[in-house]
Each structure stands twice: as structure tokens, then as C-alpha cells.
Amino acid sequence: MHVGRFAPLALLAPGQVDAAIPRAVLRTIAWGDFASAVLALGAIVALRARGSRGTAWVWPFFVVGSLDIVVALAVGLGHGVHEHALGVGWYVLSMYVPLVCVAQVMVGVALVRPRALARA
């Protein structure tokens, strides 16, 4: 789920979204998601290696990913990104973002209460 957060980099491609959206807003959204995706990939690799570093990679991903969600939503809503033509980005905003938010909460629960998800 989170490794796919590189998709918002498409916001930076010319012609993908309404040119009236400030580039700084698009950069904030795109690069925050990309950083989260890189950390998610690192966490997956570390967890698959079953070493003691697995959880050590998940925490930075969780912190950066959570901050990115909060900042991207605040900046995006504050600048009315949802009121502009988004092209395919509309699907990301309306379907993928809610899934990412739910998955982020699940990661947080698993970090704080690892046995809570094992019982579910």
C-alpha cells in the first residue's frame, strides 16, 4: 500500500493537473509521499530480513508518513486542490488517500500494540 505512494510524483508532470494549482503545493504533496514510499520500502526489506532492524525502519516511516498525510491534507485543502482539474490524480485523491490513511492508522496500532492486530 505505502510503497505505491510514489504515484503523486505524477502531479509534477506538466499537464497532469490544473496549472492554477501552485507548484509549491504540488511539490509538498509529491515529495512527502515519495519520502514515505522510500521509507516504506526500506521497512519492508528490513522486516523481510527478519533482523532486529525491521521495527527500527517502521518507526521513521510511520512518523514521516503520518506527518506527510497531515501536511498534504492541510496544504491541499488550504489551497483548494480538490476544486481544480486533477486528471487521474482525482482517483488518487478520492480512493487511494483514504486507503493510505486507514493503513497508516493500522501501522500505528501495530507499533504501539503489536498484539492488538494479531487478535483481529
C-alpha atoms as a PDB file:
ATOM      1  CA  MET A   1       0.000   0.000   0.000  1.00  0.00           C
ATOM      2  CA  HIS A   2       2.528   2.614   1.133  1.00  0.00           C
ATOM      3  CA  VAL A   3       5.228   1.703  -1.377  1.00  0.00           C
ATOM      4  CA  GLY A   4       2.837   2.996  -4.041  1.00  0.00           C
ATOM      5  CA  ARG A   5       2.961   6.470  -2.559  1.00  0.00           C
ATOM      6  CA  PHE A   6       5.323   7.463  -5.364  1.00  0.00           C
ATOM      7  CA  ALA A   7       2.225   7.965  -7.560  1.00  0.00           C
ATOM      8  CA  PRO A   8       1.733  11.618  -6.523  1.00  0.00           C
ATOM      9  CA  LEU A   9       5.025  12.440  -8.258  1.00  0.00           C
ATOM     10  CA  ALA A  10       2.833  12.500 -11.377  1.00  0.00           C
ATOM     11  CA  LEU A  11       1.453  15.791 -10.032  1.00  0.00           C
ATOM     12  CA  LEU A  12       4.761  17.356 -11.079  1.00  0.00           C
ATOM     13  CA  ALA A  13       4.446  16.284 -14.725  1.00  0.00           C
ATOM     14  CA  PRO A  14       3.335  19.139 -16.982  1.00  0.00           C
ATOM     15  CA  GLY A  15      -0.314  18.948 -17.995  1.00  0.00           C
ATOM     16  CA  GLN A  16      -1.348  16.382 -15.388  1.00  0.00           C
ATOM     17  CA  VAL A  17      -3.253  18.816 -13.173  1.00  0.00           C
ATOM     18  CA  ASP A  18      -4.676  22.302 -13.460  1.00  0.00           C
ATOM     19  CA  ALA A  19      -1.876  24.836 -13.949  1.00  0.00           C
ATOM     20  CA  ALA A  20      -3.608  27.147 -11.456  1.00  0.00           C
ATOM     21  CA  ILE A  21      -2.524  24.925  -8.550  1.00  0.00           C
ATOM     22  CA  PRO A  22       0.645  26.429  -7.072  1.00  0.00           C
ATOM     23  CA  ARG A  23       3.745  24.349  -7.868  1.00  0.00           C
ATOM     24  CA  ALA A  24       4.880  24.630  -4.231  1.00  0.00           C
ATOM     25  CA  VAL A  25       1.701  22.854  -3.126  1.00  0.00           C
ATOM     26  CA  LEU A  26       2.216  20.081  -5.671  1.00  0.00           C
ATOM     27  CA  ARG A  27       5.886  19.679  -4.665  1.00  0.00           C
ATOM     28  CA  THR A  28       4.940  19.453  -0.988  1.00  0.00           C
ATOM     29  CA  ILE A  29       2.390  16.726  -1.675  1.00  0.00           C
ATOM     30  CA  ALA A  30       4.524  14.790  -4.172  1.00  0.00           C
ATOM     31  CA  TRP A  31       7.857  14.752  -2.355  1.00  0.00           C
ATOM     32  CA  GLY A  32       6.333  13.964   1.041  1.00  0.00           C
ATOM     33  CA  ASP A  33       4.637  10.920  -0.425  1.00  0.00           C
ATOM     34  CA  PHE A  34       7.813   9.897  -2.225  1.00  0.00           C
ATOM     35  CA  ALA A  35       9.828  10.087   1.021  1.00  0.00           C
ATOM     36  CA  SER A  36       7.163   7.947   2.703  1.00  0.00           C
ATOM     37  CA  ALA A  37       7.313   5.401  -0.113  1.00  0.00           C
ATOM     38  CA  VAL A  38      11.104   5.109   0.147  1.00  0.00           C
ATOM     39  CA  LEU A  39      10.898   4.599   3.917  1.00  0.00           C
ATOM     40  CA  ALA A  40       8.075   2.056   3.458  1.00  0.00           C
ATOM     41  CA  LEU A  41      10.216   0.097   1.005  1.00  0.00           C
ATOM     42  CA  GLY A  42      13.143   0.173   3.435  1.00  0.00           C
ATOM     43  CA  ALA A  43      10.862  -1.043   6.221  1.00  0.00           C
ATOM     44  CA  ILE A  44       9.542  -3.905   4.090  1.00  0.00           C
ATOM     45  CA  VAL A  45      13.056  -5.031   3.181  1.00  0.00           C
ATOM     46  CA  ALA A  46      14.181  -4.812   6.821  1.00  0.00           C
ATOM     47  CA  LEU A  47      11.126  -6.706   8.068  1.00  0.00           C
ATOM     48  CA  ARG A  48      11.541  -9.420   5.428  1.00  0.00           C
ATOM     49  CA  ALA A  49      15.152  -9.894   6.519  1.00  0.00           C
ATOM     50  CA  ARG A  50      13.735 -10.686   9.960  1.00  0.00           C
ATOM     51  CA  GLY A  51      16.532  -8.799  11.624  1.00  0.00           C
ATOM     52  CA  SER A  52      16.261  -6.576  14.647  1.00  0.00           C
ATOM     53  CA  ARG A  53      16.274  -3.533  12.358  1.00  0.00           C
ATOM     54  CA  GLY A  54      12.784  -4.147  10.990  1.00  0.00           C
ATOM     55  CA  THR A  55      10.894  -2.154  13.582  1.00  0.00           C
ATOM     56  CA  ALA A  56      13.646   0.451  13.570  1.00  0.00           C
ATOM     57  CA  TRP A  57      12.729   1.167   9.924  1.00  0.00           C
ATOM     58  CA  VAL A  58       8.981   1.128  10.526  1.00  0.00           C
ATOM     59  CA  TRP A  59       9.058   3.926  13.118  1.00  0.00           C
ATOM     60  CA  PRO A  60      10.663   6.542  10.812  1.00  0.00           C
ATOM     61  CA  PHE A  61       8.259   5.513   8.059  1.00  0.00           C
ATOM     62  CA  PHE A  62       5.323   5.889  10.439  1.00  0.00           C
ATOM     63  CA  VAL A  63       6.419   9.322  11.674  1.00  0.00           C
ATOM     64  CA  VAL A  64       7.281  10.709   8.227  1.00  0.00           C
ATOM     65  CA  GLY A  65       4.210   9.112   6.629  1.00  0.00           C
ATOM     66  CA  SER A  66       1.878  10.480   9.300  1.00  0.00           C
ATOM     67  CA  LEU A  67       3.359  13.968   9.062  1.00  0.00           C
ATOM     68  CA  ASP A  68       3.092  13.804   5.289  1.00  0.00           C
ATOM     69  CA  ILE A  69      -0.602  12.903   5.467  1.00  0.00           C
ATOM     70  CA  VAL A  70      -1.328  15.776   7.852  1.00  0.00           C
ATOM     71  CA  VAL A  71       0.742  18.316   5.882  1.00  0.00           C
ATOM     72  CA  ALA A  72      -0.539  17.195   2.466  1.00  0.00           C
ATOM     73  CA  LEU A  73      -4.154  17.345   3.599  1.00  0.00           C
ATOM     74  CA  ALA A  74      -3.687  20.732   5.253  1.00  0.00           C
ATOM     75  CA  VAL A  75      -1.832  22.240   2.288  1.00  0.00           C
ATOM     76  CA  GLY A  76      -4.084  20.615  -0.312  1.00  0.00           C
ATOM     77  CA  LEU A  77      -7.336  21.582   1.368  1.00  0.00           C
ATOM     78  CA  GLY A  78      -5.992  25.022   2.268  1.00  0.00           C
ATOM     79  CA  HIS A  79      -5.219  25.741  -1.381  1.00  0.00           C
ATOM     80  CA  GLY A  80      -8.403  24.116  -2.699  1.00  0.00           C
ATOM     81  CA  VAL A  81      -6.617  21.471  -4.751  1.00  0.00           C
ATOM     82  CA  HIS A  82      -9.817  19.412  -4.802  1.00  0.00           C
ATOM     83  CA  GLU A  83     -11.584  22.258  -6.653  1.00  0.00           C
ATOM     84  CA  HIS A  84      -9.229  22.046  -9.650  1.00  0.00           C
ATOM     85  CA  ALA A  85      -8.986  19.603 -12.522  1.00  0.00           C
ATOM     86  CA  LEU A  86      -6.767  16.760 -11.315  1.00  0.00           C
ATOM     87  CA  GLY A  87      -6.934  14.315 -14.204  1.00  0.00           C
ATOM     88  CA  VAL A  88      -6.037  10.839 -12.979  1.00  0.00           C
ATOM     89  CA  GLY A  89      -4.992  12.461  -9.692  1.00  0.00           C
ATOM     90  CA  TRP A  90      -8.687  12.607  -8.861  1.00  0.00           C
ATOM     91  CA  TYR A  91      -8.661   8.814  -8.390  1.00  0.00           C
ATOM     92  CA  VAL A  92      -5.636   9.097  -6.120  1.00  0.00           C
ATOM     93  CA  LEU A  93      -7.368  11.756  -4.039  1.00  0.00           C
ATOM     94  CA  SER A  94     -10.766  10.067  -3.833  1.00  0.00           C
ATOM     95  CA  MET A  95      -9.754   6.409  -3.489  1.00  0.00           C
ATOM     96  CA  TYR A  96      -6.099   5.950  -2.638  1.00  0.00           C
ATOM     97  CA  VAL A  97      -5.730   8.668   0.029  1.00  0.00           C
ATOM     98  CA  PRO A  98      -8.470   7.216   2.271  1.00  0.00           C
ATOM     99  CA  LEU A  99      -6.866   3.764   1.991  1.00  0.00           C
ATOM    100  CA  VAL A 100      -3.462   5.198   2.881  1.00  0.00           C
ATOM    101  CA  CYS A 101      -4.952   6.919   5.936  1.00  0.00           C
ATOM    102  CA  VAL A 102      -6.545   3.692   7.173  1.00  0.00           C
ATOM    103  CA  ALA A 103      -3.355   1.711   6.536  1.00  0.00           C
ATOM    104  CA  GLN A 104      -1.313   4.351   8.375  1.00  0.00           C
ATOM    105  CA  VAL A 105      -3.550   4.014  11.437  1.00  0.00           C
ATOM    106  CA  MET A 106      -3.155   0.234  11.280  1.00  0.00           C
ATOM    107  CA  VAL A 107       0.629   0.564  11.195  1.00  0.00           C
ATOM    108  CA  GLY A 108       0.474   2.851  14.218  1.00  0.00           C
ATOM    109  CA  VAL A 109      -1.696   0.388  16.118  1.00  0.00           C
ATOM    110  CA  ALA A 110       0.685  -2.451  15.244  1.00  0.00           C
ATOM    111  CA  LEU A 111       3.658  -0.423  16.500  1.00  0.00           C
ATOM    112  CA  VAL A 112       2.056   0.652  19.755  1.00  0.00           C
ATOM    113  CA  ARG A 113       0.072  -2.504  20.465  1.00  0.00           C
ATOM    114  CA  PRO A 114       1.580  -5.343  18.386  1.00  0.00           C
ATOM    115  CA  ARG A 115      -0.779  -7.952  19.803  1.00  0.00           C
ATOM    116  CA  ALA A 116      -3.906  -5.921  19.008  1.00  0.00           C
ATOM    117  CA  LEU A 117      -3.700  -6.709  15.285  1.00  0.00           C
ATOM    118  CA  ALA A 118      -2.698 -10.314  15.900  1.00  0.00           C
ATOM    119  CA  ARG A 119      -6.042 -10.871  17.688  1.00  0.00           C
ATOM    120  CA  ALA A 120      -8.083  -9.145  14.958  1.00  0.00           C
END
